[in-house]
Amino acid sequence: MANNFKDINTVAQGNTKRLQKTIPETMKSFKILQDSAYKAGALDEKTKEFAALTYAIADKCEGCIGNHVNKLIKLGASREEIAEIAGVAIVMGGGPGSVYGGKALQAYDDSIDS
């Protein structure tokens, strides 16, 4: 089992590719939905990624946490911003949110420390 977010991301990406090979039409449709949902509109892309990270933490999805943290890093998010979003997720997810909020900071640290 992976515990470093670089490894977690690699595993998650491999699993996504596995699904793309097996159910290509479904995954193509899902990608179109993702692109549409995350496209800047009334909210910018960074704000939408913060919303997604909050849900990923509250829902305890490590692959999602790693993915959204990486996107947020590319969009210029700071460690402090990730920590504050983790705080919101703790409110939404209770005790498990505090564990997975810490994982969001771990994902940030793992990505920056390379």
PDB file of N, CA and C in Angstrom:
ATOM      1  N   MET A   1       0.843  -1.184   0.000  1.00  0.00           N
ATOM      2  CA  MET A   1       0.000   0.000   0.000  1.00  0.00           C
ATOM      3  C   MET A   1       0.886   1.244   0.000  1.00  0.00           C
ATOM      4  N   ALA A   2       0.592   2.177  -0.861  1.00  0.00           N
ATOM      5  CA  ALA A   2       1.371   3.402  -0.975  1.00  0.00           C
ATOM      6  C   ALA A   2       1.044   4.349   0.175  1.00  0.00           C
ATOM      7  N   ASN A   3       2.085   5.043   0.680  1.00  0.00           N
ATOM      8  CA  ASN A   3       1.814   6.033   1.717  1.00  0.00           C
ATOM      9  C   ASN A   3       2.420   7.393   1.382  1.00  0.00           C
ATOM     10  N   ASN A   4       3.184   7.481   0.306  1.00  0.00           N
ATOM     11  CA  ASN A   4       3.701   8.734  -0.202  1.00  0.00           C
ATOM     12  C   ASN A   4       2.797   9.170  -1.339  1.00  0.00           C
ATOM     13  N   PHE A   5       2.455  10.451  -1.387  1.00  0.00           N
ATOM     14  CA  PHE A   5       1.467  10.883  -2.370  1.00  0.00           C
ATOM     15  C   PHE A   5       1.963  10.804  -3.803  1.00  0.00           C
ATOM     16  N   LYS A   6       3.249  10.760  -4.023  1.00  0.00           N
ATOM     17  CA  LYS A   6       3.742  10.517  -5.385  1.00  0.00           C
ATOM     18  C   LYS A   6       3.359   9.098  -5.794  1.00  0.00           C
ATOM     19  N   ASP A   7       3.524   8.154  -4.882  1.00  0.00           N
ATOM     20  CA  ASP A   7       3.142   6.772  -5.149  1.00  0.00           C
ATOM     21  C   ASP A   7       1.627   6.625  -5.272  1.00  0.00           C
ATOM     22  N   ILE A   8       0.901   7.281  -4.391  1.00  0.00           N
ATOM     23  CA  ILE A   8      -0.567   7.228  -4.435  1.00  0.00           C
ATOM     24  C   ILE A   8      -1.062   7.771  -5.772  1.00  0.00           C
ATOM     25  N   ASN A   9      -0.480   8.884  -6.232  1.00  0.00           N
ATOM     26  CA  ASN A   9      -0.880   9.448  -7.524  1.00  0.00           C
ATOM     27  C   ASN A   9      -0.559   8.499  -8.669  1.00  0.00           C
ATOM     28  N   THR A  10       0.603   7.859  -8.619  1.00  0.00           N
ATOM     29  CA  THR A  10       0.986   6.919  -9.671  1.00  0.00           C
ATOM     30  C   THR A  10       0.004   5.757  -9.736  1.00  0.00           C
ATOM     31  N   VAL A  11      -0.360   5.218  -8.587  1.00  0.00           N
ATOM     32  CA  VAL A  11      -1.325   4.112  -8.532  1.00  0.00           C
ATOM     33  C   VAL A  11      -2.687   4.575  -9.052  1.00  0.00           C
ATOM     34  N   ALA A  12      -3.145   5.745  -8.597  1.00  0.00           N
ATOM     35  CA  ALA A  12      -4.453   6.254  -9.029  1.00  0.00           C
ATOM     36  C   ALA A  12      -4.477   6.490 -10.534  1.00  0.00           C
ATOM     37  N   GLN A  13      -3.407   7.046 -11.090  1.00  0.00           N
ATOM     38  CA  GLN A  13      -3.341   7.287 -12.530  1.00  0.00           C
ATOM     39  C   GLN A  13      -3.335   5.965 -13.298  1.00  0.00           C
ATOM     40  N   GLY A  14      -2.632   4.968 -12.766  1.00  0.00           N
ATOM     41  CA  GLY A  14      -2.631   3.646 -13.401  1.00  0.00           C
ATOM     42  C   GLY A  14      -4.015   3.019 -13.392  1.00  0.00           C
ATOM     43  N   ASN A  15      -4.728   3.179 -12.301  1.00  0.00           N
ATOM     44  CA  ASN A  15      -6.088   2.639 -12.222  1.00  0.00           C
ATOM     45  C   ASN A  15      -7.026   3.359 -13.182  1.00  0.00           C
ATOM     46  N   THR A  16      -6.839   4.669 -13.317  1.00  0.00           N
ATOM     47  CA  THR A  16      -7.654   5.421 -14.279  1.00  0.00           C
ATOM     48  C   THR A  16      -7.386   4.935 -15.693  1.00  0.00           C
ATOM     49  N   LYS A  17      -6.123   4.713 -16.028  1.00  0.00           N
ATOM     50  CA  LYS A  17      -5.770   4.199 -17.363  1.00  0.00           C
ATOM     51  C   LYS A  17      -6.382   2.822 -17.590  1.00  0.00           C
ATOM     52  N   ARG A  18      -6.418   2.013 -16.548  1.00  0.00           N
ATOM     53  CA  ARG A  18      -7.034   0.684 -16.642  1.00  0.00           C
ATOM     54  C   ARG A  18      -8.515   0.818 -17.001  1.00  0.00           C
ATOM     55  N   LEU A  19      -9.191   1.747 -16.355  1.00  0.00           N
ATOM     56  CA  LEU A  19     -10.602   1.985 -16.670  1.00  0.00           C
ATOM     57  C   LEU A  19     -10.766   2.548 -18.081  1.00  0.00           C
ATOM     58  N   GLN A  20      -9.865   3.443 -18.489  1.00  0.00           N
ATOM     59  CA  GLN A  20      -9.943   4.021 -19.835  1.00  0.00           C
ATOM     60  C   GLN A  20      -9.844   2.936 -20.910  1.00  0.00           C
ATOM     61  N   LYS A  21      -9.021   1.930 -20.658  1.00  0.00           N
ATOM     62  CA  LYS A  21      -8.890   0.811 -21.608  1.00  0.00           C
ATOM     63  C   LYS A  21     -10.133  -0.071 -21.613  1.00  0.00           C
ATOM     64  N   THR A  22     -10.713  -0.265 -20.448  1.00  0.00           N
ATOM     65  CA  THR A  22     -11.813  -1.210 -20.297  1.00  0.00           C
ATOM     66  C   THR A  22     -13.169  -0.612 -20.640  1.00  0.00           C
ATOM     67  N   ILE A  23     -13.389   0.624 -20.232  1.00  0.00           N
ATOM     68  CA  ILE A  23     -14.668   1.299 -20.515  1.00  0.00           C
ATOM     69  C   ILE A  23     -14.378   2.680 -21.127  1.00  0.00           C
ATOM     70  N   PRO A  24     -13.828   2.693 -22.334  1.00  0.00           N
ATOM     71  CA  PRO A  24     -13.362   3.953 -22.919  1.00  0.00           C
ATOM     72  C   PRO A  24     -14.454   4.999 -23.119  1.00  0.00           C
ATOM     73  N   GLU A  25     -15.639   4.606 -23.525  1.00  0.00           N
ATOM     74  CA  GLU A  25     -16.696   5.592 -23.766  1.00  0.00           C
ATOM     75  C   GLU A  25     -17.147   6.254 -22.466  1.00  0.00           C
ATOM     76  N   THR A  26     -17.285   5.475 -21.419  1.00  0.00           N
ATOM     77  CA  THR A  26     -17.665   6.030 -20.118  1.00  0.00           C
ATOM     78  C   THR A  26     -16.606   7.003 -19.624  1.00  0.00           C
ATOM     79  N   MET A  27     -15.344   6.618 -19.714  1.00  0.00           N
ATOM     80  CA  MET A  27     -14.266   7.467 -19.228  1.00  0.00           C
ATOM     81  C   MET A  27     -14.102   8.722 -20.090  1.00  0.00           C
ATOM     82  N   LYS A  28     -14.346   8.592 -21.392  1.00  0.00           N
ATOM     83  CA  LYS A  28     -14.300   9.764 -22.265  1.00  0.00           C
ATOM     84  C   LYS A  28     -15.401  10.753 -21.861  1.00  0.00           C
ATOM     85  N   SER A  29     -16.582  10.244 -21.605  1.00  0.00           N
ATOM     86  CA  SER A  29     -17.693  11.097 -21.172  1.00  0.00           C
ATOM     87  C   SER A  29     -17.397  11.736 -19.819  1.00  0.00           C
ATOM     88  N   PHE A  30     -16.796  10.984 -18.918  1.00  0.00           N
ATOM     89  CA  PHE A  30     -16.434  11.512 -17.604  1.00  0.00           C
ATOM     90  C   PHE A  30     -15.412  12.638 -17.748  1.00  0.00           C
ATOM     91  N   LYS A  31     -14.434  12.476 -18.632  1.00  0.00           N
ATOM     92  CA  LYS A  31     -13.408  13.495 -18.869  1.00  0.00           C
ATOM     93  C   LYS A  31     -14.043  14.774 -19.416  1.00  0.00           C
ATOM     94  N   ILE A  32     -15.006  14.643 -20.323  1.00  0.00           N
ATOM     95  CA  ILE A  32     -15.715  15.810 -20.850  1.00  0.00           C
ATOM     96  C   ILE A  32     -16.449  16.527 -19.716  1.00  0.00           C
ATOM     97  N   LEU A  33     -17.100  15.767 -18.837  1.00  0.00           N
ATOM     98  CA  LEU A  33     -17.786  16.346 -17.688  1.00  0.00           C
ATOM     99  C   LEU A  33     -16.799  17.077 -16.778  1.00  0.00           C
ATOM    100  N   GLN A  34     -15.675  16.442 -16.482  1.00  0.00           N
ATOM    101  CA  GLN A  34     -14.651  17.077 -15.641  1.00  0.00           C
ATOM    102  C   GLN A  34     -14.176  18.388 -16.247  1.00  0.00           C
ATOM    103  N   ASP A  35     -13.815  18.345 -17.525  1.00  0.00           N
ATOM    104  CA  ASP A  35     -13.312  19.549 -18.188  1.00  0.00           C
ATOM    105  C   ASP A  35     -14.334  20.675 -18.130  1.00  0.00           C
ATOM    106  N   SER A  36     -15.577  20.338 -18.332  1.00  0.00           N
ATOM    107  CA  SER A  36     -16.646  21.335 -18.293  1.00  0.00           C
ATOM    108  C   SER A  36     -16.818  21.900 -16.885  1.00  0.00           C
ATOM    109  N   ALA A  37     -16.826  21.035 -15.889  1.00  0.00           N
ATOM    110  CA  ALA A  37     -17.063  21.462 -14.507  1.00  0.00           C
ATOM    111  C   ALA A  37     -15.923  22.317 -13.959  1.00  0.00           C
ATOM    112  N   TYR A  38     -14.678  22.015 -14.328  1.00  0.00           N
ATOM    113  CA  TYR A  38     -13.530  22.730 -13.783  1.00  0.00           C
ATOM    114  C   TYR A  38     -13.131  23.946 -14.602  1.00  0.00           C
ATOM    115  N   LYS A  39     -13.767  24.160 -15.738  1.00  0.00           N
ATOM    116  CA  LYS A  39     -13.466  25.315 -16.580  1.00  0.00           C
ATOM    117  C   LYS A  39     -13.872  26.598 -15.853  1.00  0.00           C
ATOM    118  N   ALA A  40     -13.018  27.612 -15.960  1.00  0.00           N
ATOM    119  CA  ALA A  40     -13.318  28.893 -15.319  1.00  0.00           C
ATOM    120  C   ALA A  40     -14.619  29.467 -15.865  1.00  0.00           C
ATOM    121  N   GLY A  41     -15.418  29.981 -14.971  1.00  0.00           N
ATOM    122  CA  GLY A  41     -16.681  30.634 -15.309  1.00  0.00           C
ATOM    123  C   GLY A  41     -16.911  31.703 -14.262  1.00  0.00           C
ATOM    124  N   ALA A  42     -18.042  31.652 -13.576  1.00  0.00           N
ATOM    125  CA  ALA A  42     -18.283  32.574 -12.469  1.00  0.00           C
ATOM    126  C   ALA A  42     -17.239  32.360 -11.367  1.00  0.00           C
ATOM    127  N   LEU A  43     -16.761  31.120 -11.232  1.00  0.00           N
ATOM    128  CA  LEU A  43     -15.667  30.793 -10.309  1.00  0.00           C
ATOM    129  C   LEU A  43     -14.427  30.462 -11.133  1.00  0.00           C
ATOM    130  N   ASP A  44     -13.260  30.874 -10.633  1.00  0.00           N
ATOM    131  CA  ASP A  44     -12.033  30.533 -11.345  1.00  0.00           C
ATOM    132  C   ASP A  44     -11.637  29.078 -11.057  1.00  0.00           C
ATOM    133  N   GLU A  45     -10.678  28.572 -11.825  1.00  0.00           N
ATOM    134  CA  GLU A  45     -10.264  27.171 -11.690  1.00  0.00           C
ATOM    135  C   GLU A  45      -9.731  26.858 -10.290  1.00  0.00           C
ATOM    136  N   LYS A  46      -8.970  27.774  -9.711  1.00  0.00           N
ATOM    137  CA  LYS A  46      -8.398  27.545  -8.384  1.00  0.00           C
ATOM    138  C   LYS A  46      -9.496  27.369  -7.340  1.00  0.00           C
ATOM    139  N   THR A  47     -10.517  28.207  -7.394  1.00  0.00           N
ATOM    140  CA  THR A  47     -11.629  28.105  -6.447  1.00  0.00           C
ATOM    141  C   THR A  47     -12.330  26.762  -6.601  1.00  0.00           C
ATOM    142  N   LYS A  48     -12.532  26.332  -7.828  1.00  0.00           N
ATOM    143  CA  LYS A  48     -13.184  25.045  -8.072  1.00  0.00           C
ATOM    144  C   LYS A  48     -12.332  23.892  -7.565  1.00  0.00           C
ATOM    145  N   GLU A  49     -11.021  23.992  -7.716  1.00  0.00           N
ATOM    146  CA  GLU A  49     -10.134  22.948  -7.195  1.00  0.00           C
ATOM    147  C   GLU A  49     -10.154  22.919  -5.672  1.00  0.00           C
ATOM    148  N   PHE A  50     -10.234  24.099  -5.035  1.00  0.00           N
ATOM    149  CA  PHE A  50     -10.359  24.123  -3.575  1.00  0.00           C
ATOM    150  C   PHE A  50     -11.646  23.432  -3.133  1.00  0.00           C
ATOM    151  N   ALA A  51     -12.737  23.674  -3.851  1.00  0.00           N
ATOM    152  CA  ALA A  51     -14.006  23.010  -3.530  1.00  0.00           C
ATOM    153  C   ALA A  51     -13.854  21.496  -3.670  1.00  0.00           C
ATOM    154  N   ALA A  52     -13.204  21.060  -4.738  1.00  0.00           N
ATOM    155  CA  ALA A  52     -13.007  19.625  -4.961  1.00  0.00           C
ATOM    156  C   ALA A  52     -12.123  19.016  -3.874  1.00  0.00           C
ATOM    157  N   LEU A  53     -11.073  19.733  -3.466  1.00  0.00           N
ATOM    158  CA  LEU A  53     -10.198  19.229  -2.411  1.00  0.00           C
ATOM    159  C   LEU A  53     -10.955  19.097  -1.094  1.00  0.00           C
ATOM    160  N   THR A  54     -11.802  20.061  -0.788  1.00  0.00           N
ATOM    161  CA  THR A  54     -12.599  19.982   0.439  1.00  0.00           C
ATOM    162  C   THR A  54     -13.423  18.706   0.458  1.00  0.00           C
ATOM    163  N   TYR A  55     -14.065  18.424  -0.658  1.00  0.00           N
ATOM    164  CA  TYR A  55     -14.875  17.204  -0.741  1.00  0.00           C
ATOM    165  C   TYR A  55     -13.989  15.963  -0.683  1.00  0.00           C
ATOM    166  N   ALA A  56     -12.853  15.981  -1.365  1.00  0.00           N
ATOM    167  CA  ALA A  56     -11.943  14.826  -1.359  1.00  0.00           C
ATOM    168  C   ALA A  56     -11.490  14.493   0.057  1.00  0.00           C
ATOM    169  N   ILE A  57     -11.188  15.525   0.840  1.00  0.00           N
ATOM    170  CA  ILE A  57     -10.776  15.307   2.230  1.00  0.00           C
ATOM    171  C   ILE A  57     -11.946  14.754   3.045  1.00  0.00           C
ATOM    172  N   ALA A  58     -13.103  15.395   2.956  1.00  0.00           N
ATOM    173  CA  ALA A  58     -14.268  14.963   3.742  1.00  0.00           C
ATOM    174  C   ALA A  58     -14.714  13.558   3.346  1.00  0.00           C
ATOM    175  N   ASP A  59     -14.521  13.196   2.071  1.00  0.00           N
ATOM    176  CA  ASP A  59     -14.939  11.877   1.594  1.00  0.00           C
ATOM    177  C   ASP A  59     -13.832  10.831   1.726  1.00  0.00           C
ATOM    178  N   LYS A  60     -12.632  11.272   2.187  1.00  0.00           N
ATOM    179  CA  LYS A  60     -11.506  10.374   2.459  1.00  0.00           C
ATOM    180  C   LYS A  60     -11.003   9.652   1.205  1.00  0.00           C
ATOM    181  N   CYS A  61     -10.808  10.398   0.115  1.00  0.00           N
ATOM    182  CA  CYS A  61     -10.303   9.837  -1.137  1.00  0.00           C
ATOM    183  C   CYS A  61      -8.861  10.289  -1.353  1.00  0.00           C
ATOM    184  N   GLU A  62      -7.911   9.415  -1.008  1.00  0.00           N
ATOM    185  CA  GLU A  62      -6.501   9.782  -1.102  1.00  0.00           C
ATOM    186  C   GLU A  62      -6.076  10.111  -2.528  1.00  0.00           C
ATOM    187  N   GLY A  63      -6.517   9.317  -3.506  1.00  0.00           N
ATOM    188  CA  GLY A  63      -6.173   9.601  -4.896  1.00  0.00           C
ATOM    189  C   GLY A  63      -6.687  10.970  -5.324  1.00  0.00           C
ATOM    190  N   CYS A  64      -7.895  11.306  -4.867  1.00  0.00           N
ATOM    191  CA  CYS A  64      -8.488  12.614  -5.182  1.00  0.00           C
ATOM    192  C   CYS A  64      -7.703  13.733  -4.511  1.00  0.00           C
ATOM    193  N   ILE A  65      -7.303  13.520  -3.262  1.00  0.00           N
ATOM    194  CA  ILE A  65      -6.523  14.524  -2.546  1.00  0.00           C
ATOM    195  C   ILE A  65      -5.239  14.815  -3.318  1.00  0.00           C
ATOM    196  N   GLY A  66      -4.509  13.773  -3.670  1.00  0.00           N
ATOM    197  CA  GLY A  66      -3.257  13.966  -4.398  1.00  0.00           C
ATOM    198  C   GLY A  66      -3.467  14.684  -5.716  1.00  0.00           C
ATOM    199  N   ASN A  67      -4.496  14.293  -6.450  1.00  0.00           N
ATOM    200  CA  ASN A  67      -4.787  14.898  -7.749  1.00  0.00           C
ATOM    201  C   ASN A  67      -5.113  16.382  -7.611  1.00  0.00           C
ATOM    202  N   HIS A  68      -5.999  16.719  -6.678  1.00  0.00           N
ATOM    203  CA  HIS A  68      -6.411  18.109  -6.545  1.00  0.00           C
ATOM    204  C   HIS A  68      -5.315  18.983  -5.930  1.00  0.00           C
ATOM    205  N   VAL A  69      -4.516  18.431  -5.027  1.00  0.00           N
ATOM    206  CA  VAL A  69      -3.383  19.193  -4.488  1.00  0.00           C
ATOM    207  C   VAL A  69      -2.393  19.490  -5.609  1.00  0.00           C
ATOM    208  N   ASN A  70      -2.094  18.506  -6.455  1.00  0.00           N
ATOM    209  CA  ASN A  70      -1.175  18.753  -7.566  1.00  0.00           C
ATOM    210  C   ASN A  70      -1.705  19.838  -8.491  1.00  0.00           C
ATOM    211  N   LYS A  71      -2.998  19.804  -8.782  1.00  0.00           N
ATOM    212  CA  LYS A  71      -3.587  20.841  -9.633  1.00  0.00           C
ATOM    213  C   LYS A  71      -3.512  22.199  -8.944  1.00  0.00           C
ATOM    214  N   LEU A  72      -3.765  22.233  -7.637  1.00  0.00           N
ATOM    215  CA  LEU A  72      -3.702  23.491  -6.905  1.00  0.00           C
ATOM    216  C   LEU A  72      -2.279  24.056  -6.858  1.00  0.00           C
ATOM    217  N   ILE A  73      -1.295  23.191  -6.734  1.00  0.00           N
ATOM    218  CA  ILE A  73       0.100  23.654  -6.773  1.00  0.00           C
ATOM    219  C   ILE A  73       0.369  24.335  -8.109  1.00  0.00           C
ATOM    220  N   LYS A  74      -0.072  23.704  -9.191  1.00  0.00           N
ATOM    221  CA  LYS A  74       0.122  24.294 -10.524  1.00  0.00           C
ATOM    222  C   LYS A  74      -0.614  25.626 -10.664  1.00  0.00           C
ATOM    223  N   LEU A  75      -1.705  25.791  -9.925  1.00  0.00           N
ATOM    224  CA  LEU A  75      -2.472  27.039  -9.963  1.00  0.00           C
ATOM    225  C   LEU A  75      -1.967  28.065  -8.943  1.00  0.00           C
ATOM    226  N   GLY A  76      -0.870  27.736  -8.251  1.00  0.00           N
ATOM    227  CA  GLY A  76      -0.242  28.692  -7.342  1.00  0.00           C
ATOM    228  C   GLY A  76      -0.698  28.641  -5.901  1.00  0.00           C
ATOM    229  N   ALA A  77      -1.393  27.596  -5.497  1.00  0.00           N
ATOM    230  CA  ALA A  77      -1.861  27.504  -4.110  1.00  0.00           C
ATOM    231  C   ALA A  77      -0.678  27.328  -3.158  1.00  0.00           C
ATOM    232  N   SER A  78      -0.810  27.952  -1.999  1.00  0.00           N
ATOM    233  CA  SER A  78       0.222  27.834  -0.964  1.00  0.00           C
ATOM    234  C   SER A  78      -0.144  26.734   0.024  1.00  0.00           C
ATOM    235  N   ARG A  79       0.832  26.354   0.812  1.00  0.00           N
ATOM    236  CA  ARG A  79       0.602  25.373   1.871  1.00  0.00           C
ATOM    237  C   ARG A  79      -0.437  25.905   2.856  1.00  0.00           C
ATOM    238  N   GLU A  80      -0.386  27.198   3.144  1.00  0.00           N
ATOM    239  CA  GLU A  80      -1.331  27.807   4.082  1.00  0.00           C
ATOM    240  C   GLU A  80      -2.762  27.729   3.545  1.00  0.00           C
ATOM    241  N   GLU A  81      -2.929  27.935   2.242  1.00  0.00           N
ATOM    242  CA  GLU A  81      -4.269  27.822   1.649  1.00  0.00           C
ATOM    243  C   GLU A  81      -4.779  26.380   1.757  1.00  0.00           C
ATOM    244  N   ILE A  82      -3.884  25.414   1.490  1.00  0.00           N
ATOM    245  CA  ILE A  82      -4.271  24.000   1.618  1.00  0.00           C
ATOM    246  C   ILE A  82      -4.690  23.717   3.061  1.00  0.00           C
ATOM    247  N   ALA A  83      -3.940  24.253   4.026  1.00  0.00           N
ATOM    248  CA  ALA A  83      -4.267  24.042   5.442  1.00  0.00           C
ATOM    249  C   ALA A  83      -5.630  24.630   5.789  1.00  0.00           C
ATOM    250  N   GLU A  84      -5.944  25.820   5.281  1.00  0.00           N
ATOM    251  CA  GLU A  84      -7.244  26.428   5.584  1.00  0.00           C
ATOM    252  C   GLU A  84      -8.387  25.636   4.958  1.00  0.00           C
ATOM    253  N   ILE A  85      -8.180  25.112   3.765  1.00  0.00           N
ATOM    254  CA  ILE A  85      -9.196  24.260   3.139  1.00  0.00           C
ATOM    255  C   ILE A  85      -9.360  22.987   3.958  1.00  0.00           C
ATOM    256  N   ALA A  86      -8.251  22.454   4.465  1.00  0.00           N
ATOM    257  CA  ALA A  86      -8.345  21.285   5.343  1.00  0.00           C
ATOM    258  C   ALA A  86      -9.192  21.613   6.565  1.00  0.00           C
ATOM    259  N   GLY A  87      -9.072  22.829   7.080  1.00  0.00           N
ATOM    260  CA  GLY A  87      -9.892  23.250   8.216  1.00  0.00           C
ATOM    261  C   GLY A  87     -11.375  23.231   7.889  1.00  0.00           C
ATOM    262  N   VAL A  88     -11.729  23.700   6.697  1.00  0.00           N
ATOM    263  CA  VAL A  88     -13.136  23.651   6.269  1.00  0.00           C
ATOM    264  C   VAL A  88     -13.586  22.202   6.155  1.00  0.00           C
ATOM    265  N   ALA A  89     -12.729  21.354   5.602  1.00  0.00           N
ATOM    266  CA  ALA A  89     -13.082  19.940   5.456  1.00  0.00           C
ATOM    267  C   ALA A  89     -13.264  19.258   6.800  1.00  0.00           C
ATOM    268  N   ILE A  90     -12.491  19.681   7.803  1.00  0.00           N
ATOM    269  CA  ILE A  90     -12.655  19.119   9.148  1.00  0.00           C
ATOM    270  C   ILE A  90     -14.058  19.434   9.663  1.00  0.00           C
ATOM    271  N   VAL A  91     -14.514  20.659   9.424  1.00  0.00           N
ATOM    272  CA  VAL A  91     -15.874  21.021   9.830  1.00  0.00           C
ATOM    273  C   VAL A  91     -16.879  20.113   9.133  1.00  0.00           C
ATOM    274  N   MET A  92     -16.662  19.875   7.838  1.00  0.00           N
ATOM    275  CA  MET A  92     -17.597  19.069   7.048  1.00  0.00           C
ATOM    276  C   MET A  92     -17.453  17.572   7.321  1.00  0.00           C
ATOM    277  N   GLY A  93     -16.235  17.129   7.640  1.00  0.00           N
ATOM    278  CA  GLY A  93     -15.986  15.700   7.778  1.00  0.00           C
ATOM    279  C   GLY A  93     -15.703  15.234   9.188  1.00  0.00           C
ATOM    280  N   GLY A  94     -15.738  16.130  10.160  1.00  0.00           N
ATOM    281  CA  GLY A  94     -15.502  15.742  11.546  1.00  0.00           C
ATOM    282  C   GLY A  94     -14.094  15.208  11.766  1.00  0.00           C
ATOM    283  N   GLY A  95     -13.966  14.299  12.714  1.00  0.00           N
ATOM    284  CA  GLY A  95     -12.665  13.720  13.064  1.00  0.00           C
ATOM    285  C   GLY A  95     -11.924  13.143  11.868  1.00  0.00           C
ATOM    286  N   PRO A  96     -12.595  12.344  11.001  1.00  0.00           N
ATOM    287  CA  PRO A  96     -11.895  11.840   9.827  1.00  0.00           C
ATOM    288  C   PRO A  96     -11.362  12.965   8.934  1.00  0.00           C
ATOM    289  N   GLY A  97     -12.059  14.105   8.925  1.00  0.00           N
ATOM    290  CA  GLY A  97     -11.574  15.246   8.144  1.00  0.00           C
ATOM    291  C   GLY A  97     -10.223  15.734   8.642  1.00  0.00           C
ATOM    292  N   SER A  98      -9.990  15.648   9.958  1.00  0.00           N
ATOM    293  CA  SER A  98      -8.695  16.091  10.480  1.00  0.00           C
ATOM    294  C   SER A  98      -7.577  15.151  10.045  1.00  0.00           C
ATOM    295  N   VAL A  99      -7.851  13.864   9.955  1.00  0.00           N
ATOM    296  CA  VAL A  99      -6.848  12.911   9.481  1.00  0.00           C
ATOM    297  C   VAL A  99      -6.563  13.138   7.996  1.00  0.00           C
ATOM    298  N   TYR A 100      -7.609  13.269   7.211  1.00  0.00           N
ATOM    299  CA  TYR A 100      -7.427  13.424   5.766  1.00  0.00           C
ATOM    300  C   TYR A 100      -7.031  14.843   5.392  1.00  0.00           C
ATOM    301  N   GLY A 101      -7.334  15.831   6.219  1.00  0.00           N
ATOM    302  CA  GLY A 101      -6.800  17.177   6.018  1.00  0.00           C
ATOM    303  C   GLY A 101      -5.288  17.169   6.164  1.00  0.00           C
ATOM    304  N   GLY A 102      -4.806  16.411   7.131  1.00  0.00           N
ATOM    305  CA  GLY A 102      -3.361  16.227   7.287  1.00  0.00           C
ATOM    306  C   GLY A 102      -2.751  15.558   6.070  1.00  0.00           C
ATOM    307  N   LYS A 103      -3.505  14.643   5.460  1.00  0.00           N
ATOM    308  CA  LYS A 103      -3.032  13.992   4.246  1.00  0.00           C
ATOM    309  C   LYS A 103      -2.907  14.991   3.092  1.00  0.00           C
ATOM    310  N   ALA A 104      -3.771  16.007   3.050  1.00  0.00           N
ATOM    311  CA  ALA A 104      -3.660  17.038   2.015  1.00  0.00           C
ATOM    312  C   ALA A 104      -2.349  17.812   2.193  1.00  0.00           C
ATOM    313  N   LEU A 105      -1.984  18.115   3.447  1.00  0.00           N
ATOM    314  CA  LEU A 105      -0.707  18.781   3.681  1.00  0.00           C
ATOM    315  C   LEU A 105       0.452  17.856   3.348  1.00  0.00           C
ATOM    316  N   GLN A 106       0.303  16.555   3.638  1.00  0.00           N
ATOM    317  CA  GLN A 106       1.329  15.592   3.269  1.00  0.00           C
ATOM    318  C   GLN A 106       1.493  15.556   1.753  1.00  0.00           C
ATOM    319  N   ALA A 107       0.379  15.573   1.025  1.00  0.00           N
ATOM    320  CA  ALA A 107       0.441  15.572  -0.435  1.00  0.00           C
ATOM    321  C   ALA A 107       1.174  16.807  -0.933  1.00  0.00           C
ATOM    322  N   TYR A 108       0.904  17.963  -0.336  1.00  0.00           N
ATOM    323  CA  TYR A 108       1.589  19.201  -0.714  1.00  0.00           C
ATOM    324  C   TYR A 108       3.079  19.063  -0.430  1.00  0.00           C
ATOM    325  N   ASP A 109       3.419  18.634   0.774  1.00  0.00           N
ATOM    326  CA  ASP A 109       4.830  18.495   1.160  1.00  0.00           C
ATOM    327  C   ASP A 109       5.549  17.472   0.280  1.00  0.00           C
ATOM    328  N   ASP A 110       4.908  16.333   0.000  1.00  0.00           N
ATOM    329  CA  ASP A 110       5.515  15.317  -0.870  1.00  0.00           C
ATOM    330  C   ASP A 110       5.766  15.862  -2.267  1.00  0.00           C
ATOM    331  N   SER A 111       4.858  16.700  -2.760  1.00  0.00           N
ATOM    332  CA  SER A 111       5.001  17.250  -4.109  1.00  0.00           C
ATOM    333  C   SER A 111       6.070  18.321  -4.177  1.00  0.00           C
ATOM    334  N   ILE A 112       6.180  19.144  -3.153  1.00  0.00           N
ATOM    335  CA  ILE A 112       7.140  20.245  -3.135  1.00  0.00           C
ATOM    336  C   ILE A 112       8.535  19.742  -2.804  1.00  0.00           C
ATOM    337  N   ASP A 113       8.644  18.749  -1.961  1.00  0.00           N
ATOM    338  CA  ASP A 113       9.943  18.261  -1.480  1.00  0.00           C
ATOM    339  C   ASP A 113      10.676  17.371  -2.476  1.00  0.00           C
ATOM    340  N   SER A 114      10.204  17.306  -3.712  1.00  0.00           N
ATOM    341  CA  SER A 114      10.877  16.420  -4.663  1.00  0.00           C
ATOM    342  C   SER A 114      11.962  17.122  -5.434  1.00  0.00           C
TER     343      SER A 114
END
